[in-house]
Amino acid sequence: MKLIRNGLIHDSVHAEPYVGDLLEEGGKIAAIGPKLDVPEGTEIIDATGLEIYPGLVEAHGHIGLDGWAVGYEGKDYNEYNDPVTPHLRAIDGINPFDESLHDAMLGGVTTLCTGPGSSNVLGGTFACFKPVGRCIDDMCLKPEAAMKCAFGENPKRCYREKGISSRMSTAAKLRETLFKAREYMEKLDAAGDDPSKRPAFDLKLHALIPVLRREIPLKAHAHQANDILTAIRIAREFDVKLTLEHVTEGALIVDELVKADVPLAIGPTDGQPSKIELQHKSWETPVLLNAAGCQVSIITDSPVTQQSHLRLCAAMAIAAGMPEFDALKAITINPARHIGVEDRVGSLEPCKDADFILTDGSLFALATRVVETWIDGVRRD
């Protein structure tokens, strides 16, 4: 049992920070608040002059699949042999020893959601995990958190010779696969316990059953406004859950996104536009969508932006007009909700995982250092 005493607590629940204590027991937050009673034998860590934040959460990236300082042989985030690969799983490719995970942890990022890139119409499942450990199975909060799909330029560019050369063919390929998967699922359900009535096993279609049963969402890569609306249209057609990733032109369709009421992971927003569908890239996008009441997460899309710079991306949104508390939620509790792990991480509350960071100033100040990162109640270095 450990007590972090007398730090300035930003819990992602209350808008105003307060000086208080955090009591850890068995890897969980046992209590949090001002002047907690100290059980006998508790290890006391003085945090006077330091600030305490929840461990940061990345809702969308490719960390661990796109290696740190490696060439092609270290990149496992895209499958170029087939545009439809829903049966691929991020956990089969993540490298726990990749230095990018250690960098993320040092930067205060304690929960990551990573998976296939955006070349494929259907790319496979993302995994949600913590950046410490040697075996990804033991590191995961959710080994299958979402099913990646992609719209826009990437499928057209990567599979022009394999049947996809327009936005229409991308959407058609996704619809076709979802139709087949729904028919496959219905036949399985109708067969019940009679193996003679079951359809021939199809790993690709089987992988989509959790999507059709609304157990995991489609995680839709979409930059342009028309691609965003196509993703929403298809999700409605098949009555599946949806999260939108990147949302670069979201500021052009604010009313439509408010009506759709789906989680938005916005970014990467730093850097200049590198292709036509990024021409409206702006820090005003997360600001406007947040102000309109959307659930906004700020993402790095690591390694597009270095994972440890997540807090600085939030700082850029603050500079563009986002309230500081909303920016904090955009890299803590909102992404935790986006990837379905808000019951464990994303805010400092009793019974949640003891994932928190100590800083020597405001999290959003360039000169501030992340002094300590704690994951599951253990100080990491």
Protein backbone atom coordinates (compact mmCIF):
# COMPACT_ATOMS: atom_id res chain seq x y z
CA MET A 1 0.00 0.00 0.00
CA LYS A 2 1.32 3.42 -0.97
CA LEU A 3 0.13 6.97 -0.33
CA ILE A 4 1.04 9.76 -2.76
CA ARG A 5 0.71 12.73 -0.44
CA ASN A 6 0.00 16.41 -0.95
CA GLY A 7 0.07 16.68 -4.76
CA LEU A 8 -2.07 18.94 -6.93
CA ILE A 9 -4.60 16.45 -8.28
CA HIS A 10 -6.15 16.74 -11.77
CA ASP A 11 -8.52 13.77 -11.76
CA SER A 12 -10.36 14.25 -15.11
CA VAL A 13 -13.60 14.26 -13.11
CA HIS A 14 -13.61 17.68 -11.42
CA ALA A 15 -12.83 20.76 -13.48
CA GLU A 16 -10.78 22.36 -10.72
CA PRO A 17 -7.61 20.67 -9.40
CA TYR A 18 -7.19 20.27 -5.66
CA VAL A 19 -4.37 19.45 -3.26
CA GLY A 20 -4.83 15.94 -1.94
CA ASP A 21 -3.62 12.38 -1.54
CA LEU A 22 -3.91 9.21 -3.59
CA LEU A 23 -3.93 5.85 -1.83
CA GLU A 24 -2.86 2.82 -3.87
CA GLU A 25 -3.49 -0.78 -2.88
CA GLY A 26 -3.01 -3.90 -4.99
CA GLY A 27 -2.57 -1.94 -8.20
CA LYS A 28 -5.85 -0.04 -7.75
CA ILE A 29 -6.79 3.37 -6.43
CA ALA A 30 -8.15 2.66 -2.95
CA ALA A 31 -9.02 6.27 -2.10
CA ILE A 32 -8.38 9.79 -3.33
CA GLY A 33 -9.00 13.16 -1.71
CA PRO A 34 -7.66 15.75 0.73
CA LYS A 35 -5.86 14.59 3.88
CA LEU A 36 -6.57 10.87 3.69
CA ASP A 37 -6.10 8.73 6.76
CA VAL A 38 -2.96 6.62 6.46
CA PRO A 39 -3.28 2.91 7.30
CA GLU A 40 -0.45 1.55 9.42
CA GLY A 41 2.51 0.35 7.36
CA THR A 42 1.66 2.49 4.32
CA GLU A 43 4.61 3.71 2.26
CA ILE A 44 4.33 7.49 2.00
CA ILE A 45 5.61 9.36 -1.06
CA ASP A 46 5.70 13.13 -0.71
CA ALA A 47 4.37 14.87 -3.83
CA THR A 48 4.47 18.40 -2.45
CA GLY A 49 5.07 20.82 -5.33
CA LEU A 50 4.16 18.18 -7.93
CA GLU A 51 0.99 17.68 -9.96
CA ILE A 52 -0.84 14.37 -10.30
CA TYR A 53 -2.66 13.43 -13.51
CA PRO A 54 -4.30 10.24 -14.78
CA GLY A 55 -2.10 8.17 -17.05
CA LEU A 56 -2.68 9.40 -20.59
CA VAL A 57 -4.64 7.30 -23.08
CA GLU A 58 -4.05 7.01 -26.84
CA ALA A 59 -7.21 6.04 -28.72
CA HIS A 60 -5.63 5.35 -32.11
CA GLY A 61 -2.14 4.58 -33.37
CA HIS A 62 0.13 1.89 -34.74
CA ILE A 63 2.76 1.85 -32.02
CA GLY A 64 4.36 -1.54 -31.51
CA LEU A 65 3.47 -2.53 -35.08
CA ASP A 66 5.55 0.22 -36.69
CA GLY A 67 8.92 -0.04 -34.99
CA TRP A 68 11.27 2.49 -33.45
CA ALA A 69 14.27 3.18 -35.72
CA VAL A 70 13.70 0.16 -37.97
CA GLY A 71 13.34 -0.39 -41.69
CA TYR A 72 10.69 -2.23 -43.62
CA GLU A 73 11.29 -5.46 -41.70
CA GLY A 74 10.04 -3.80 -38.51
CA LYS A 75 6.78 -2.51 -39.99
CA ASP A 76 3.82 -4.82 -39.49
CA TYR A 77 0.87 -2.46 -39.51
CA ASN A 78 -0.39 -2.98 -43.10
CA GLU A 79 -1.20 -6.11 -45.09
CA TYR A 80 -0.73 -5.42 -48.80
CA ASN A 81 -1.69 -8.82 -50.22
CA ASP A 82 -5.44 -8.52 -49.71
CA PRO A 83 -7.71 -5.48 -49.24
CA VAL A 84 -10.10 -7.36 -46.93
CA THR A 85 -8.40 -8.87 -43.87
CA PRO A 86 -10.77 -8.66 -40.87
CA HIS A 87 -9.27 -11.87 -39.50
CA LEU A 88 -5.91 -10.22 -38.70
CA ARG A 89 -5.26 -9.37 -35.05
CA ALA A 90 -2.91 -6.68 -33.76
CA ILE A 91 -1.82 -8.89 -30.87
CA ASP A 92 -0.14 -11.21 -33.38
CA GLY A 93 2.16 -8.42 -34.53
CA ILE A 94 2.81 -6.08 -31.57
CA ASN A 95 6.43 -6.15 -30.38
CA PRO A 96 6.51 -5.57 -26.59
CA PHE A 97 10.25 -4.88 -26.76
CA ASP A 98 9.89 -1.99 -29.20
CA GLU A 99 11.54 1.12 -27.76
CA SER A 100 8.53 3.23 -28.75
CA LEU A 101 6.55 1.67 -25.91
CA HIS A 102 9.16 2.75 -23.37
CA ASP A 103 9.14 6.24 -24.87
CA ALA A 104 5.36 6.37 -24.54
CA MET A 105 5.54 5.37 -20.90
CA LEU A 106 8.20 8.00 -20.14
CA GLY A 107 5.90 10.57 -21.74
CA GLY A 108 3.08 9.64 -19.40
CA VAL A 109 1.04 7.50 -21.82
CA THR A 110 -0.10 4.43 -19.89
CA THR A 111 -2.81 2.97 -22.14
CA LEU A 112 -2.56 2.45 -25.90
CA CYS A 113 -4.90 1.26 -28.62
CA THR A 114 -3.00 0.07 -31.65
CA GLY A 115 -3.68 -1.96 -34.73
CA PRO A 116 -3.60 -2.28 -38.51
CA GLY A 117 -3.03 0.77 -40.65
CA SER A 118 -5.35 2.27 -43.24
CA SER A 119 -4.36 0.48 -46.43
CA ASN A 120 -7.11 -2.15 -46.13
CA VAL A 121 -10.84 -1.71 -46.52
CA LEU A 122 -11.04 -4.01 -43.51
CA GLY A 123 -7.72 -4.33 -41.72
CA GLY A 124 -8.32 -6.42 -38.59
CA THR A 125 -8.70 -5.85 -34.87
CA PHE A 126 -7.02 -3.24 -32.68
CA ALA A 127 -5.71 -4.16 -29.24
CA CYS A 128 -5.81 -2.05 -26.08
CA PHE A 129 -2.83 -2.57 -23.78
CA LYS A 130 -0.35 -0.99 -21.36
CA PRO A 131 3.23 -0.30 -22.46
CA VAL A 132 4.96 -2.50 -19.89
CA GLY A 133 5.67 -6.21 -20.04
CA ARG A 134 7.24 -8.87 -22.21
CA CYS A 135 4.16 -10.78 -23.41
CA ILE A 136 1.36 -8.88 -25.15
CA ASP A 137 -1.23 -11.35 -23.85
CA ASP A 138 -0.43 -10.24 -20.30
CA MET A 139 -0.30 -6.53 -21.23
CA CYS A 140 -3.77 -6.31 -22.78
CA LEU A 141 -6.85 -4.71 -21.31
CA LYS A 142 -8.76 -5.75 -24.44
CA PRO A 143 -7.05 -7.96 -27.03
CA GLU A 144 -9.79 -7.12 -29.54
CA ALA A 145 -11.08 -3.60 -28.94
CA ALA A 146 -12.32 -2.62 -32.42
CA MET A 147 -12.39 -3.65 -36.07
CA LYS A 148 -10.44 -1.31 -38.36
CA CYS A 149 -11.91 -0.17 -41.65
CA ALA A 150 -10.70 2.58 -43.96
CA PHE A 151 -12.08 5.05 -46.47
CA GLY A 152 -10.48 7.63 -48.72
CA GLU A 153 -7.15 7.71 -50.50
CA ASN A 154 -5.29 4.86 -48.84
CA PRO A 155 -7.32 1.84 -50.05
CA LYS A 156 -7.46 3.40 -53.54
CA ARG A 157 -3.70 3.91 -53.63
CA CYS A 158 -2.71 0.54 -52.16
CA TYR A 159 -5.15 -1.70 -54.05
CA ARG A 160 -5.60 0.01 -57.41
CA GLU A 161 -4.47 -3.22 -59.08
CA LYS A 162 -6.71 -5.38 -56.89
CA GLY A 163 -10.19 -4.05 -57.58
CA ILE A 164 -10.33 -0.73 -55.71
CA SER A 165 -9.87 2.51 -57.61
CA SER A 166 -12.59 4.78 -56.24
CA ARG A 167 -14.37 5.69 -53.05
CA MET A 168 -17.42 3.88 -54.42
CA SER A 169 -15.55 0.60 -54.77
CA THR A 170 -14.17 0.92 -51.24
CA ALA A 171 -17.67 1.38 -49.82
CA ALA A 172 -19.03 -1.43 -52.01
CA LYS A 173 -16.33 -3.84 -50.86
CA LEU A 174 -17.09 -3.06 -47.21
CA ARG A 175 -20.85 -3.50 -47.75
CA GLU A 176 -20.33 -6.77 -49.63
CA THR A 177 -18.22 -8.20 -46.82
CA LEU A 178 -20.66 -7.10 -44.10
CA PHE A 179 -23.58 -8.60 -46.06
CA LYS A 180 -21.74 -11.92 -46.37
CA ALA A 181 -20.78 -11.86 -42.70
CA ARG A 182 -24.36 -11.18 -41.62
CA GLU A 183 -25.65 -14.04 -43.76
CA TYR A 184 -22.91 -16.30 -42.34
CA MET A 185 -23.84 -15.31 -38.78
CA GLU A 186 -27.56 -15.91 -39.40
CA LYS A 187 -26.84 -19.38 -40.76
CA LEU A 188 -24.66 -20.17 -37.74
CA ASP A 189 -27.38 -19.00 -35.38
CA ALA A 190 -30.06 -20.99 -37.24
CA ALA A 191 -27.93 -24.15 -37.12
CA GLY A 192 -27.76 -24.04 -33.35
CA ASP A 193 -26.09 -27.18 -32.03
CA ASP A 194 -26.54 -29.14 -35.28
CA PRO A 195 -23.09 -29.19 -37.00
CA SER A 196 -24.61 -30.55 -40.22
CA LYS A 197 -26.49 -27.29 -40.77
CA ARG A 198 -23.59 -24.95 -40.13
CA PRO A 199 -22.06 -23.06 -43.07
CA ALA A 200 -18.49 -23.86 -44.08
CA PHE A 201 -16.16 -22.12 -41.65
CA ASP A 202 -14.86 -18.78 -42.95
CA LEU A 203 -12.28 -17.06 -40.73
CA LYS A 204 -12.78 -13.65 -42.34
CA LEU A 205 -16.55 -13.66 -41.91
CA HIS A 206 -16.30 -15.17 -38.44
CA ALA A 207 -14.06 -12.29 -37.35
CA LEU A 208 -16.86 -9.83 -38.17
CA ILE A 209 -19.48 -11.45 -35.95
CA PRO A 210 -18.47 -9.35 -32.88
CA VAL A 211 -19.01 -6.23 -35.01
CA LEU A 212 -22.46 -7.35 -36.19
CA ARG A 213 -23.43 -8.26 -32.63
CA ARG A 214 -22.32 -4.78 -31.48
CA GLU A 215 -19.68 -6.22 -29.17
CA ILE A 216 -16.92 -4.12 -30.76
CA PRO A 217 -17.19 -1.08 -33.07
CA LEU A 218 -16.03 -0.47 -36.57
CA LYS A 219 -13.04 1.85 -36.19
CA ALA A 220 -13.32 3.94 -39.34
CA HIS A 221 -10.35 5.81 -40.83
CA ALA A 222 -11.90 8.83 -42.53
CA HIS A 223 -10.39 12.25 -43.26
CA GLN A 224 -12.66 13.91 -45.83
CA ALA A 225 -16.20 14.94 -44.96
CA ASN A 226 -17.70 12.65 -47.63
CA ASP A 227 -15.76 9.67 -46.26
CA ILE A 228 -16.90 10.47 -42.72
CA LEU A 229 -20.53 10.53 -43.88
CA THR A 230 -20.11 7.28 -45.82
CA ALA A 231 -18.80 5.59 -42.67
CA ILE A 232 -21.83 6.83 -40.72
CA ARG A 233 -24.19 5.72 -43.52
CA ILE A 234 -22.82 2.18 -43.64
CA ALA A 235 -22.81 1.83 -39.85
CA ARG A 236 -26.50 2.76 -39.82
CA GLU A 237 -27.31 0.35 -42.64
CA PHE A 238 -25.90 -2.58 -40.67
CA ASP A 239 -26.77 -1.26 -37.19
CA VAL A 240 -23.19 -1.56 -35.94
CA LYS A 241 -21.27 0.55 -33.48
CA LEU A 242 -18.89 3.10 -34.98
CA THR A 243 -15.97 5.24 -33.92
CA LEU A 244 -14.50 7.80 -36.30
CA GLU A 245 -10.74 8.15 -36.58
CA HIS A 246 -8.86 11.26 -37.83
CA VAL A 247 -11.98 13.33 -38.73
CA THR A 248 -9.79 15.95 -40.43
CA GLU A 249 -12.71 17.68 -42.16
CA GLY A 250 -15.04 17.33 -39.20
CA ALA A 251 -15.31 21.10 -38.86
CA LEU A 252 -17.12 21.18 -42.21
CA ILE A 253 -19.94 18.92 -40.96
CA VAL A 254 -20.31 19.78 -37.27
CA ASP A 255 -24.11 19.49 -37.24
CA GLU A 256 -24.01 16.07 -38.90
CA LEU A 257 -21.46 14.78 -36.38
CA VAL A 258 -23.49 16.09 -33.46
CA LYS A 259 -26.52 14.24 -34.86
CA ALA A 260 -24.52 11.04 -35.45
CA ASP A 261 -23.37 11.05 -31.80
CA VAL A 262 -20.34 8.79 -32.30
CA PRO A 263 -16.93 9.04 -30.59
CA LEU A 264 -14.35 11.09 -32.51
CA ALA A 265 -10.58 10.55 -32.42
CA ILE A 266 -9.10 13.65 -34.04
CA GLY A 267 -5.58 13.85 -35.43
CA PRO A 268 -2.75 13.72 -36.09
CA THR A 269 -3.03 17.48 -36.43
CA ASP A 270 0.55 18.67 -36.13
CA GLY A 271 2.62 19.00 -39.30
CA GLN A 272 1.59 20.31 -42.68
CA PRO A 273 -0.96 18.55 -44.91
CA SER A 274 0.84 15.82 -46.84
CA LYS A 275 -2.03 14.82 -49.17
CA ILE A 276 -5.19 16.32 -50.61
CA GLU A 277 -7.57 14.89 -48.01
CA LEU A 278 -5.61 16.68 -45.28
CA GLN A 279 -5.98 20.14 -46.83
CA HIS A 280 -8.30 21.30 -44.03
CA LYS A 281 -6.11 20.03 -41.19
CA SER A 282 -6.47 22.48 -38.30
CA TRP A 283 -6.38 22.65 -34.52
CA GLU A 284 -9.73 24.41 -34.75
CA THR A 285 -11.36 21.07 -35.64
CA PRO A 286 -11.13 19.48 -32.15
CA VAL A 287 -11.98 22.87 -30.62
CA LEU A 288 -15.18 23.31 -32.65
CA LEU A 289 -16.36 19.72 -32.28
CA ASN A 290 -15.71 19.76 -28.55
CA ALA A 291 -17.62 23.03 -28.20
CA ALA A 292 -20.53 21.47 -30.11
CA GLY A 293 -20.78 18.70 -27.51
CA CYS A 294 -19.08 15.84 -29.37
CA GLN A 295 -16.94 13.32 -27.52
CA VAL A 296 -13.47 14.32 -28.72
CA SER A 297 -10.23 12.45 -28.23
CA ILE A 298 -6.92 13.90 -29.41
CA ILE A 299 -4.63 11.34 -31.04
CA THR A 300 -1.05 11.16 -32.29
CA ASP A 301 -1.65 8.30 -34.75
CA SER A 302 1.79 7.23 -33.55
CA PRO A 303 4.31 7.01 -35.06
CA VAL A 304 3.00 9.82 -37.31
CA THR A 305 3.49 11.95 -34.21
CA GLN A 306 5.78 10.57 -31.51
CA GLN A 307 3.61 8.96 -28.84
CA SER A 308 5.26 10.78 -25.93
CA HIS A 309 4.12 14.09 -27.49
CA LEU A 310 0.42 13.36 -26.86
CA ARG A 311 0.24 15.95 -24.07
CA LEU A 312 1.79 18.57 -26.37
CA CYS A 313 -0.88 17.88 -28.99
CA ALA A 314 -3.47 18.67 -26.32
CA ALA A 315 -1.52 21.84 -25.53
CA MET A 316 -1.86 22.91 -29.17
CA ALA A 317 -5.63 22.45 -28.93
CA ILE A 318 -5.62 24.66 -25.82
CA ALA A 319 -3.70 27.31 -27.75
CA ALA A 320 -6.43 27.13 -30.43
CA GLY A 321 -9.16 27.74 -27.86
CA MET A 322 -10.04 24.44 -26.16
CA PRO A 323 -10.60 24.79 -22.39
CA GLU A 324 -7.77 23.16 -20.44
CA PHE A 325 -10.05 20.74 -18.61
CA ASP A 326 -11.60 19.60 -21.89
CA ALA A 327 -8.12 19.11 -23.37
CA LEU A 328 -7.19 16.96 -20.37
CA LYS A 329 -10.30 14.83 -20.88
CA ALA A 330 -9.41 14.56 -24.59
CA ILE A 331 -6.24 12.62 -23.69
CA THR A 332 -7.57 10.71 -20.66
CA ILE A 333 -11.21 9.79 -20.04
CA ASN A 334 -12.55 10.48 -23.54
CA PRO A 335 -10.13 8.11 -25.30
CA ALA A 336 -10.74 5.58 -22.53
CA ARG A 337 -14.45 5.73 -23.42
CA HIS A 338 -13.60 5.67 -27.14
CA ILE A 339 -11.87 2.30 -26.77
CA GLY A 340 -14.19 0.91 -24.10
CA VAL A 341 -11.92 0.80 -21.05
CA GLU A 342 -13.27 3.75 -19.04
CA ASP A 343 -14.15 1.41 -16.18
CA ARG A 344 -10.42 0.88 -15.58
CA VAL A 345 -8.45 3.90 -16.79
CA GLY A 346 -8.79 7.52 -17.89
CA SER A 347 -9.56 9.21 -14.57
CA LEU A 348 -8.40 9.10 -10.96
CA GLU A 349 -11.24 7.43 -9.07
CA PRO A 350 -11.50 4.69 -6.44
CA CYS A 351 -11.42 1.13 -7.82
CA LYS A 352 -9.76 2.15 -11.09
CA ASP A 353 -6.25 1.04 -12.04
CA ALA A 354 -3.53 3.00 -10.24
CA ASP A 355 -2.21 4.52 -13.47
CA PHE A 356 -1.05 8.08 -12.88
CA ILE A 357 1.79 10.47 -13.55
CA LEU A 358 3.60 13.08 -11.47
CA THR A 359 4.77 16.25 -13.20
CA ASP A 360 6.76 19.27 -12.04
CA GLY A 361 4.29 21.72 -13.58
CA SER A 362 1.28 21.94 -15.85
CA LEU A 363 1.04 18.91 -18.13
CA PHE A 364 0.55 21.26 -21.06
CA ALA A 365 3.65 23.41 -20.56
CA LEU A 366 6.56 22.63 -22.86
CA ALA A 367 9.11 22.90 -20.05
CA THR A 368 7.21 20.52 -17.75
CA ARG A 369 8.77 17.12 -17.09
CA VAL A 370 6.94 13.89 -16.42
CA VAL A 371 8.80 13.09 -13.21
CA GLU A 372 7.26 9.67 -12.55
CA THR A 373 4.93 7.29 -14.37
CA TRP A 374 2.97 4.73 -12.34
CA ILE A 375 1.19 1.79 -13.96
CA ASP A 376 -0.86 -0.67 -11.92
CA GLY A 377 0.48 0.90 -8.73
CA VAL A 378 4.13 0.40 -9.68
CA ARG A 379 6.60 3.22 -10.41
CA ARG A 380 8.03 2.60 -13.90
CA ASP A 381 11.33 3.77 -15.35
